[in-house]
Amino acid sequence: SDLSATWKYLMPLYLGWRIWWANRMPIMDCDEVYNYWEPLHFLLFGTGFQTWEYANEFALRTYAYLMPLLGLSQVYQALIPYLPAWTWPLLTTTQATIVSPGGFFSPKLALFLLLRATLAAVMACAEVSFCQAIEDPLISLTTAGLLLGSAGMSHAAGALLPSSTLTLLWLLSATAFLQRRHVWFAIWAILATLAIGWPFGVLMFVPLGVTVLIRERLRPFFVLTIVILAVVIQCGVMY
């Protein structure tokens, strides 16, 4: 209970730290710009560069990965005109960065800042959930401190990349694993494997997945649940 009270105060600090740095860390990977932000711009505004991975003859990447962010972007576009002016200095170094030399507000840049801040906030929630699932208080708080102080996590938290999404889903699946919520573990693991277009990350889920199967003793109902989840998620991605 003491640790729960501690997390009640640490959670806002953790969340604020991730949001604060989301747009203050440089974009480190050109893939983030040209393989994800540009296609998202195309889906939203009808213009944007296309890399060869999205070309029909290769089709190595899927737009399904961007669909959740597309829906969120449309909500934010409706909200941006009503957000107070003090919002923007919190998300970036200065409000002047979203105002052109002529004094015109840039809604596209405002949307970009909000999306990166949202990605970082969701990652922060996943990190805190993972740390809270660790039973030993010392290990829990030490893990939180190491994650929060990690330069790699600061870069990954706000990045629109499959590797960052995989990190998010692994944290959620590991949380479910520690809490013995095996169906939720299966949901996050299957999403990470099938929905983000980064199959290499499946190796991270193999040890936990084998342990879950051992815990469940390969019960037919649980195995059937996994198969149904996999089919539903795969159909959703292909659709």
C-alpha atoms as a PDB file:
ATOM      1  CA  SER A   1       0.000   0.000   0.000  1.00  0.00           C
ATOM      2  CA  ASP A   2       2.908   2.327   0.732  1.00  0.00           C
ATOM      3  CA  LEU A   3       4.235   1.723  -2.760  1.00  0.00           C
ATOM      4  CA  SER A   4       0.796   2.413  -4.260  1.00  0.00           C
ATOM      5  CA  ALA A   5       0.767   5.773  -2.490  1.00  0.00           C
ATOM      6  CA  THR A   6       4.255   6.466  -3.822  1.00  0.00           C
ATOM      7  CA  TRP A   7       3.185   5.714  -7.401  1.00  0.00           C
ATOM      8  CA  LYS A   8       0.237   8.085  -7.011  1.00  0.00           C
ATOM      9  CA  TYR A   9       2.750  10.931  -6.779  1.00  0.00           C
ATOM     10  CA  LEU A  10       5.362   9.497  -9.140  1.00  0.00           C
ATOM     11  CA  MET A  11       2.963   8.836 -12.020  1.00  0.00           C
ATOM     12  CA  PRO A  12       2.330  12.546 -12.867  1.00  0.00           C
ATOM     13  CA  LEU A  13       6.063  13.257 -12.684  1.00  0.00           C
ATOM     14  CA  TYR A  14       6.857  10.290 -14.930  1.00  0.00           C
ATOM     15  CA  LEU A  15       4.155  11.270 -17.411  1.00  0.00           C
ATOM     16  CA  GLY A  16       5.232  14.901 -17.433  1.00  0.00           C
ATOM     17  CA  TRP A  17       8.876  13.974 -17.998  1.00  0.00           C
ATOM     18  CA  ARG A  18       8.082  11.871 -21.058  1.00  0.00           C
ATOM     19  CA  ILE A  19       5.758  14.521 -22.545  1.00  0.00           C
ATOM     20  CA  TRP A  20       8.273  17.292 -21.859  1.00  0.00           C
ATOM     21  CA  TRP A  21      11.028  15.536 -23.803  1.00  0.00           C
ATOM     22  CA  ALA A  22       8.853  14.153 -26.614  1.00  0.00           C
ATOM     23  CA  ASN A  23       9.436  17.162 -28.889  1.00  0.00           C
ATOM     24  CA  ARG A  24      12.756  18.239 -27.423  1.00  0.00           C
ATOM     25  CA  MET A  25      14.653  15.102 -28.444  1.00  0.00           C
ATOM     26  CA  PRO A  26      15.864  14.995 -32.066  1.00  0.00           C
ATOM     27  CA  ILE A  27      14.382  12.509 -34.522  1.00  0.00           C
ATOM     28  CA  MET A  28      17.178   9.954 -34.805  1.00  0.00           C
ATOM     29  CA  ASP A  29      15.918   7.704 -37.599  1.00  0.00           C
ATOM     30  CA  CYS A  30      15.089   8.795 -41.153  1.00  0.00           C
ATOM     31  CA  ASP A  31      12.626   5.879 -41.312  1.00  0.00           C
ATOM     32  CA  GLU A  32      10.431   7.699 -38.822  1.00  0.00           C
ATOM     33  CA  VAL A  33      10.105  10.666 -41.171  1.00  0.00           C
ATOM     34  CA  TYR A  34       9.844   8.997 -44.560  1.00  0.00           C
ATOM     35  CA  ASN A  35       8.210   5.667 -43.722  1.00  0.00           C
ATOM     36  CA  TYR A  36       5.706   6.826 -41.101  1.00  0.00           C
ATOM     37  CA  TRP A  37       5.191  10.593 -40.782  1.00  0.00           C
ATOM     38  CA  GLU A  38       5.099  11.087 -44.565  1.00  0.00           C
ATOM     39  CA  PRO A  39       2.542   8.285 -45.163  1.00  0.00           C
ATOM     40  CA  LEU A  40       0.472   9.616 -42.257  1.00  0.00           C
ATOM     41  CA  HIS A  41       0.603  13.067 -43.864  1.00  0.00           C
ATOM     42  CA  PHE A  42      -0.572  11.479 -47.109  1.00  0.00           C
ATOM     43  CA  LEU A  43      -3.514   9.805 -45.375  1.00  0.00           C
ATOM     44  CA  LEU A  44      -4.479  13.059 -43.665  1.00  0.00           C
ATOM     45  CA  PHE A  45      -3.848  15.661 -46.366  1.00  0.00           C
ATOM     46  CA  GLY A  46      -3.459  13.734 -49.638  1.00  0.00           C
ATOM     47  CA  THR A  47       0.209  14.640 -50.189  1.00  0.00           C
ATOM     48  CA  GLY A  48       3.448  13.040 -49.046  1.00  0.00           C
ATOM     49  CA  PHE A  49       6.496  11.147 -50.247  1.00  0.00           C
ATOM     50  CA  GLN A  50       6.226   7.418 -50.887  1.00  0.00           C
ATOM     51  CA  THR A  51       9.175   5.132 -50.206  1.00  0.00           C
ATOM     52  CA  TRP A  52       9.672   1.960 -52.185  1.00  0.00           C
ATOM     53  CA  GLU A  53       8.488  -0.182 -49.260  1.00  0.00           C
ATOM     54  CA  TYR A  54       4.938   1.154 -49.743  1.00  0.00           C
ATOM     55  CA  ALA A  55       4.927   0.696 -53.533  1.00  0.00           C
ATOM     56  CA  ASN A  56       2.406  -1.864 -54.791  1.00  0.00           C
ATOM     57  CA  GLU A  57       5.045  -4.059 -56.417  1.00  0.00           C
ATOM     58  CA  PHE A  58       6.872  -4.515 -53.086  1.00  0.00           C
ATOM     59  CA  ALA A  59       4.228  -3.824 -50.370  1.00  0.00           C
ATOM     60  CA  LEU A  60       6.644  -4.419 -47.512  1.00  0.00           C
ATOM     61  CA  ARG A  61       4.840  -1.964 -45.217  1.00  0.00           C
ATOM     62  CA  THR A  62       1.179  -1.680 -44.350  1.00  0.00           C
ATOM     63  CA  TYR A  63      -0.919   1.400 -43.714  1.00  0.00           C
ATOM     64  CA  ALA A  64      -2.751  -0.569 -41.013  1.00  0.00           C
ATOM     65  CA  TYR A  65      -0.012   0.404 -38.556  1.00  0.00           C
ATOM     66  CA  LEU A  66      -0.929   4.077 -39.041  1.00  0.00           C
ATOM     67  CA  MET A  67      -4.707   3.689 -38.754  1.00  0.00           C
ATOM     68  CA  PRO A  68      -4.954   4.270 -34.973  1.00  0.00           C
ATOM     69  CA  LEU A  69      -2.875   7.438 -35.274  1.00  0.00           C
ATOM     70  CA  LEU A  70      -4.954   8.551 -38.258  1.00  0.00           C
ATOM     71  CA  GLY A  71      -8.138   8.367 -36.173  1.00  0.00           C
ATOM     72  CA  LEU A  72      -6.476  10.186 -33.287  1.00  0.00           C
ATOM     73  CA  SER A  73      -5.169  12.857 -35.680  1.00  0.00           C
ATOM     74  CA  GLN A  74      -8.662  13.575 -36.921  1.00  0.00           C
ATOM     75  CA  VAL A  75      -9.844  14.094 -33.344  1.00  0.00           C
ATOM     76  CA  TYR A  76      -6.908  16.398 -32.599  1.00  0.00           C
ATOM     77  CA  GLN A  77      -7.529  18.430 -35.748  1.00  0.00           C
ATOM     78  CA  ALA A  78     -10.985  19.274 -34.420  1.00  0.00           C
ATOM     79  CA  LEU A  79      -9.611  20.157 -30.970  1.00  0.00           C
ATOM     80  CA  ILE A  80      -6.515  22.191 -31.893  1.00  0.00           C
ATOM     81  CA  PRO A  81      -8.354  25.511 -32.557  1.00  0.00           C
ATOM     82  CA  TYR A  82      -9.795  25.368 -29.033  1.00  0.00           C
ATOM     83  CA  LEU A  83      -6.603  24.554 -27.121  1.00  0.00           C
ATOM     84  CA  PRO A  84      -5.213  27.397 -24.977  1.00  0.00           C
ATOM     85  CA  ALA A  85      -2.011  29.167 -26.042  1.00  0.00           C
ATOM     86  CA  TRP A  86      -0.109  27.916 -22.991  1.00  0.00           C
ATOM     87  CA  THR A  87      -0.349  24.339 -24.326  1.00  0.00           C
ATOM     88  CA  TRP A  88       2.391  24.787 -26.914  1.00  0.00           C
ATOM     89  CA  PRO A  89       5.281  25.998 -24.719  1.00  0.00           C
ATOM     90  CA  LEU A  90       4.762  22.824 -22.677  1.00  0.00           C
ATOM     91  CA  LEU A  91       5.179  20.636 -25.763  1.00  0.00           C
ATOM     92  CA  THR A  92       8.119  22.341 -27.422  1.00  0.00           C
ATOM     93  CA  THR A  93      10.929  24.785 -26.689  1.00  0.00           C
ATOM     94  CA  THR A  94       8.988  27.897 -27.617  1.00  0.00           C
ATOM     95  CA  GLN A  95       5.544  28.774 -28.919  1.00  0.00           C
ATOM     96  CA  ALA A  96       7.222  30.673 -31.772  1.00  0.00           C
ATOM     97  CA  THR A  97       8.084  27.366 -33.454  1.00  0.00           C
ATOM     98  CA  ILE A  98       4.457  26.796 -34.436  1.00  0.00           C
ATOM     99  CA  VAL A  99       3.909  30.339 -35.653  1.00  0.00           C
ATOM    100  CA  SER A 100       5.205  31.355 -39.073  1.00  0.00           C
ATOM    101  CA  PRO A 101       7.212  34.594 -39.610  1.00  0.00           C
ATOM    102  CA  GLY A 102       3.995  36.200 -40.822  1.00  0.00           C
ATOM    103  CA  GLY A 103       2.308  35.402 -37.520  1.00  0.00           C
ATOM    104  CA  PHE A 104       0.125  32.573 -38.826  1.00  0.00           C
ATOM    105  CA  PHE A 105      -0.495  29.577 -36.616  1.00  0.00           C
ATOM    106  CA  SER A 106       0.609  26.225 -38.094  1.00  0.00           C
ATOM    107  CA  PRO A 107      -2.039  23.577 -37.347  1.00  0.00           C
ATOM    108  CA  LYS A 108       0.043  20.845 -39.002  1.00  0.00           C
ATOM    109  CA  LEU A 109       2.985  21.453 -36.697  1.00  0.00           C
ATOM    110  CA  ALA A 110       0.649  21.667 -33.719  1.00  0.00           C
ATOM    111  CA  LEU A 111      -0.784  18.274 -34.711  1.00  0.00           C
ATOM    112  CA  PHE A 112       2.720  16.828 -34.989  1.00  0.00           C
ATOM    113  CA  LEU A 113       3.604  18.057 -31.492  1.00  0.00           C
ATOM    114  CA  LEU A 114       0.408  16.618 -30.022  1.00  0.00           C
ATOM    115  CA  LEU A 115       0.924  13.230 -31.666  1.00  0.00           C
ATOM    116  CA  ARG A 116       4.500  12.849 -30.441  1.00  0.00           C
ATOM    117  CA  ALA A 117       3.445  13.953 -26.953  1.00  0.00           C
ATOM    118  CA  THR A 118       0.647  11.371 -27.023  1.00  0.00           C
ATOM    119  CA  LEU A 119       3.012   8.591 -28.079  1.00  0.00           C
ATOM    120  CA  ALA A 120       5.338   9.526 -25.212  1.00  0.00           C
ATOM    121  CA  ALA A 121       2.455   9.644 -22.730  1.00  0.00           C
ATOM    122  CA  VAL A 122       1.232   6.175 -23.713  1.00  0.00           C
ATOM    123  CA  MET A 123       4.763   4.817 -23.375  1.00  0.00           C
ATOM    124  CA  ALA A 124       5.025   6.396 -19.924  1.00  0.00           C
ATOM    125  CA  CYS A 125       1.797   4.681 -18.834  1.00  0.00           C
ATOM    126  CA  ALA A 126       3.127   1.330 -20.087  1.00  0.00           C
ATOM    127  CA  GLU A 127       6.430   1.825 -18.245  1.00  0.00           C
ATOM    128  CA  VAL A 128       4.688   2.691 -14.990  1.00  0.00           C
ATOM    129  CA  SER A 129       2.327  -0.288 -15.332  1.00  0.00           C
ATOM    130  CA  PHE A 130       5.306  -2.581 -15.842  1.00  0.00           C
ATOM    131  CA  CYS A 131       7.143  -1.202 -12.812  1.00  0.00           C
ATOM    132  CA  GLN A 132       4.018  -1.429 -10.655  1.00  0.00           C
ATOM    133  CA  ALA A 133       3.640  -5.099 -11.608  1.00  0.00           C
ATOM    134  CA  ILE A 134       7.042  -5.873 -10.059  1.00  0.00           C
ATOM    135  CA  GLU A 135       6.344  -7.095  -6.521  1.00  0.00           C
ATOM    136  CA  ASP A 136       9.615  -6.104  -4.845  1.00  0.00           C
ATOM    137  CA  PRO A 137       9.388  -2.348  -4.018  1.00  0.00           C
ATOM    138  CA  LEU A 138      13.121  -1.717  -4.337  1.00  0.00           C
ATOM    139  CA  ILE A 139      13.369  -3.452  -7.721  1.00  0.00           C
ATOM    140  CA  SER A 140      10.192  -1.713  -8.885  1.00  0.00           C
ATOM    141  CA  LEU A 141      11.434   1.795  -8.092  1.00  0.00           C
ATOM    142  CA  THR A 142      14.955   1.038  -9.328  1.00  0.00           C
ATOM    143  CA  THR A 143      13.557  -0.186 -12.653  1.00  0.00           C
ATOM    144  CA  ALA A 144      11.461   2.971 -12.944  1.00  0.00           C
ATOM    145  CA  GLY A 145      14.493   5.132 -12.281  1.00  0.00           C
ATOM    146  CA  LEU A 146      16.600   3.297 -14.850  1.00  0.00           C
ATOM    147  CA  LEU A 147      13.873   3.538 -17.493  1.00  0.00           C
ATOM    148  CA  LEU A 148      13.208   7.195 -16.783  1.00  0.00           C
ATOM    149  CA  GLY A 149      16.884   8.109 -16.952  1.00  0.00           C
ATOM    150  CA  SER A 150      17.574   6.083 -20.095  1.00  0.00           C
ATOM    151  CA  ALA A 151      18.440   8.175 -23.145  1.00  0.00           C
ATOM    152  CA  GLY A 152      17.226   5.353 -25.375  1.00  0.00           C
ATOM    153  CA  MET A 153      13.787   5.316 -23.753  1.00  0.00           C
ATOM    154  CA  SER A 154      13.577   9.104 -24.006  1.00  0.00           C
ATOM    155  CA  HIS A 155      14.178   8.846 -27.761  1.00  0.00           C
ATOM    156  CA  ALA A 156      11.893   5.844 -28.228  1.00  0.00           C
ATOM    157  CA  ALA A 157       8.955   7.134 -26.197  1.00  0.00           C
ATOM    158  CA  GLY A 158       7.861   9.789 -28.691  1.00  0.00           C
ATOM    159  CA  ALA A 159       9.009   8.033 -31.860  1.00  0.00           C
ATOM    160  CA  LEU A 160       6.559   6.804 -34.492  1.00  0.00           C
ATOM    161  CA  LEU A 161       8.444   3.602 -35.254  1.00  0.00           C
ATOM    162  CA  PRO A 162       7.547  -0.108 -35.096  1.00  0.00           C
ATOM    163  CA  SER A 163      10.475  -0.676 -32.746  1.00  0.00           C
ATOM    164  CA  SER A 164       9.006   1.861 -30.307  1.00  0.00           C
ATOM    165  CA  THR A 165       5.548   0.321 -30.626  1.00  0.00           C
ATOM    166  CA  LEU A 166       7.101  -3.098 -30.019  1.00  0.00           C
ATOM    167  CA  THR A 167       8.708  -1.728 -26.846  1.00  0.00           C
ATOM    168  CA  LEU A 168       5.314  -0.423 -25.730  1.00  0.00           C
ATOM    169  CA  LEU A 169       3.571  -3.735 -26.416  1.00  0.00           C
ATOM    170  CA  TRP A 170       6.348  -5.727 -24.737  1.00  0.00           C
ATOM    171  CA  LEU A 171       5.964  -3.616 -21.594  1.00  0.00           C
ATOM    172  CA  LEU A 172       2.210  -4.222 -21.619  1.00  0.00           C
ATOM    173  CA  SER A 173       2.611  -7.955 -22.251  1.00  0.00           C
ATOM    174  CA  ALA A 174       5.280  -8.253 -19.540  1.00  0.00           C
ATOM    175  CA  THR A 175       2.929  -6.463 -17.145  1.00  0.00           C
ATOM    176  CA  ALA A 176       0.172  -8.969 -17.951  1.00  0.00           C
ATOM    177  CA  PHE A 177       2.680 -11.820 -17.583  1.00  0.00           C
ATOM    178  CA  LEU A 178       3.736 -10.675 -14.115  1.00  0.00           C
ATOM    179  CA  GLN A 179       0.094 -10.287 -13.099  1.00  0.00           C
ATOM    180  CA  ARG A 180      -0.738 -13.736 -14.571  1.00  0.00           C
ATOM    181  CA  ARG A 181      -3.338 -12.212 -16.880  1.00  0.00           C
ATOM    182  CA  HIS A 182      -2.543 -14.615 -19.679  1.00  0.00           C
ATOM    183  CA  VAL A 183      -5.277 -13.642 -22.134  1.00  0.00           C
ATOM    184  CA  TRP A 184      -4.116 -10.030 -22.060  1.00  0.00           C
ATOM    185  CA  PHE A 185      -0.547 -11.239 -22.511  1.00  0.00           C
ATOM    186  CA  ALA A 186      -1.684 -13.074 -25.639  1.00  0.00           C
ATOM    187  CA  ILE A 187      -3.489  -9.994 -26.969  1.00  0.00           C
ATOM    188  CA  TRP A 188      -0.465  -7.703 -26.626  1.00  0.00           C
ATOM    189  CA  ALA A 189       1.969 -10.342 -27.916  1.00  0.00           C
ATOM    190  CA  ILE A 190      -0.168 -11.130 -30.976  1.00  0.00           C
ATOM    191  CA  LEU A 191      -0.610  -7.420 -31.731  1.00  0.00           C
ATOM    192  CA  ALA A 192       3.152  -6.954 -31.537  1.00  0.00           C
ATOM    193  CA  THR A 193       3.714  -9.903 -33.851  1.00  0.00           C
ATOM    194  CA  LEU A 194       1.051  -9.263 -36.493  1.00  0.00           C
ATOM    195  CA  ALA A 195      -0.042  -5.628 -36.412  1.00  0.00           C
ATOM    196  CA  ILE A 196       3.056  -3.431 -36.510  1.00  0.00           C
ATOM    197  CA  GLY A 197       4.988  -4.845 -39.436  1.00  0.00           C
ATOM    198  CA  TRP A 198       8.119  -5.660 -37.447  1.00  0.00           C
ATOM    199  CA  PRO A 199       8.204  -9.472 -37.143  1.00  0.00           C
ATOM    200  CA  PHE A 200      11.757  -9.648 -35.779  1.00  0.00           C
ATOM    201  CA  GLY A 201      10.445  -8.582 -32.381  1.00  0.00           C
ATOM    202  CA  VAL A 202       8.562 -11.860 -31.965  1.00  0.00           C
ATOM    203  CA  LEU A 203      11.747 -13.331 -30.484  1.00  0.00           C
ATOM    204  CA  MET A 204      11.289 -11.115 -27.421  1.00  0.00           C
ATOM    205  CA  PHE A 205       7.976 -12.807 -26.660  1.00  0.00           C
ATOM    206  CA  VAL A 206       9.112 -16.423 -27.053  1.00  0.00           C
ATOM    207  CA  PRO A 207      10.437 -16.987 -23.484  1.00  0.00           C
ATOM    208  CA  LEU A 208       7.380 -15.395 -21.861  1.00  0.00           C
ATOM    209  CA  GLY A 209       5.038 -17.167 -24.286  1.00  0.00           C
ATOM    210  CA  VAL A 210       6.534 -20.587 -23.545  1.00  0.00           C
ATOM    211  CA  THR A 211       6.197 -19.907 -19.816  1.00  0.00           C
ATOM    212  CA  VAL A 212       2.543 -18.922 -20.254  1.00  0.00           C
ATOM    213  CA  LEU A 213       1.830 -22.147 -22.141  1.00  0.00           C
ATOM    214  CA  ILE A 214       3.495 -24.130 -19.361  1.00  0.00           C
ATOM    215  CA  ARG A 215       1.463 -22.289 -16.732  1.00  0.00           C
ATOM    216  CA  GLU A 216      -1.731 -22.962 -18.658  1.00  0.00           C
ATOM    217  CA  ARG A 217      -0.675 -26.582 -19.281  1.00  0.00           C
ATOM    218  CA  LEU A 218      -1.756 -26.190 -22.915  1.00  0.00           C
ATOM    219  CA  ARG A 219      -5.421 -26.142 -21.945  1.00  0.00           C
ATOM    220  CA  PRO A 220      -7.480 -26.510 -25.164  1.00  0.00           C
ATOM    221  CA  PHE A 221      -9.684 -23.505 -24.287  1.00  0.00           C
ATOM    222  CA  PHE A 222      -6.674 -21.216 -23.815  1.00  0.00           C
ATOM    223  CA  VAL A 223      -5.003 -22.435 -27.022  1.00  0.00           C
ATOM    224  CA  LEU A 224      -8.279 -21.914 -28.901  1.00  0.00           C
ATOM    225  CA  THR A 225      -8.508 -18.394 -27.473  1.00  0.00           C
ATOM    226  CA  ILE A 226      -5.026 -17.603 -28.789  1.00  0.00           C
ATOM    227  CA  VAL A 227      -5.882 -18.942 -32.248  1.00  0.00           C
ATOM    228  CA  ILE A 228      -9.099 -16.909 -32.411  1.00  0.00           C
ATOM    229  CA  LEU A 229      -7.298 -13.743 -31.277  1.00  0.00           C
ATOM    230  CA  ALA A 230      -4.591 -14.267 -33.895  1.00  0.00           C
ATOM    231  CA  VAL A 231      -7.139 -14.758 -36.689  1.00  0.00           C
ATOM    232  CA  VAL A 232      -9.200 -11.721 -35.666  1.00  0.00           C
ATOM    233  CA  ILE A 233      -6.158  -9.440 -35.407  1.00  0.00           C
ATOM    234  CA  GLN A 234      -4.692 -10.688 -38.695  1.00  0.00           C
ATOM    235  CA  CYS A 235      -8.024 -10.160 -40.482  1.00  0.00           C
ATOM    236  CA  GLY A 236      -8.208  -6.648 -39.060  1.00  0.00           C
ATOM    237  CA  VAL A 237      -4.705  -5.834 -40.296  1.00  0.00           C
ATOM    238  CA  MET A 238      -5.353  -7.259 -43.777  1.00  0.00           C
ATOM    239  CA  TYR A 239      -8.687  -5.434 -44.046  1.00  0.00           C
END
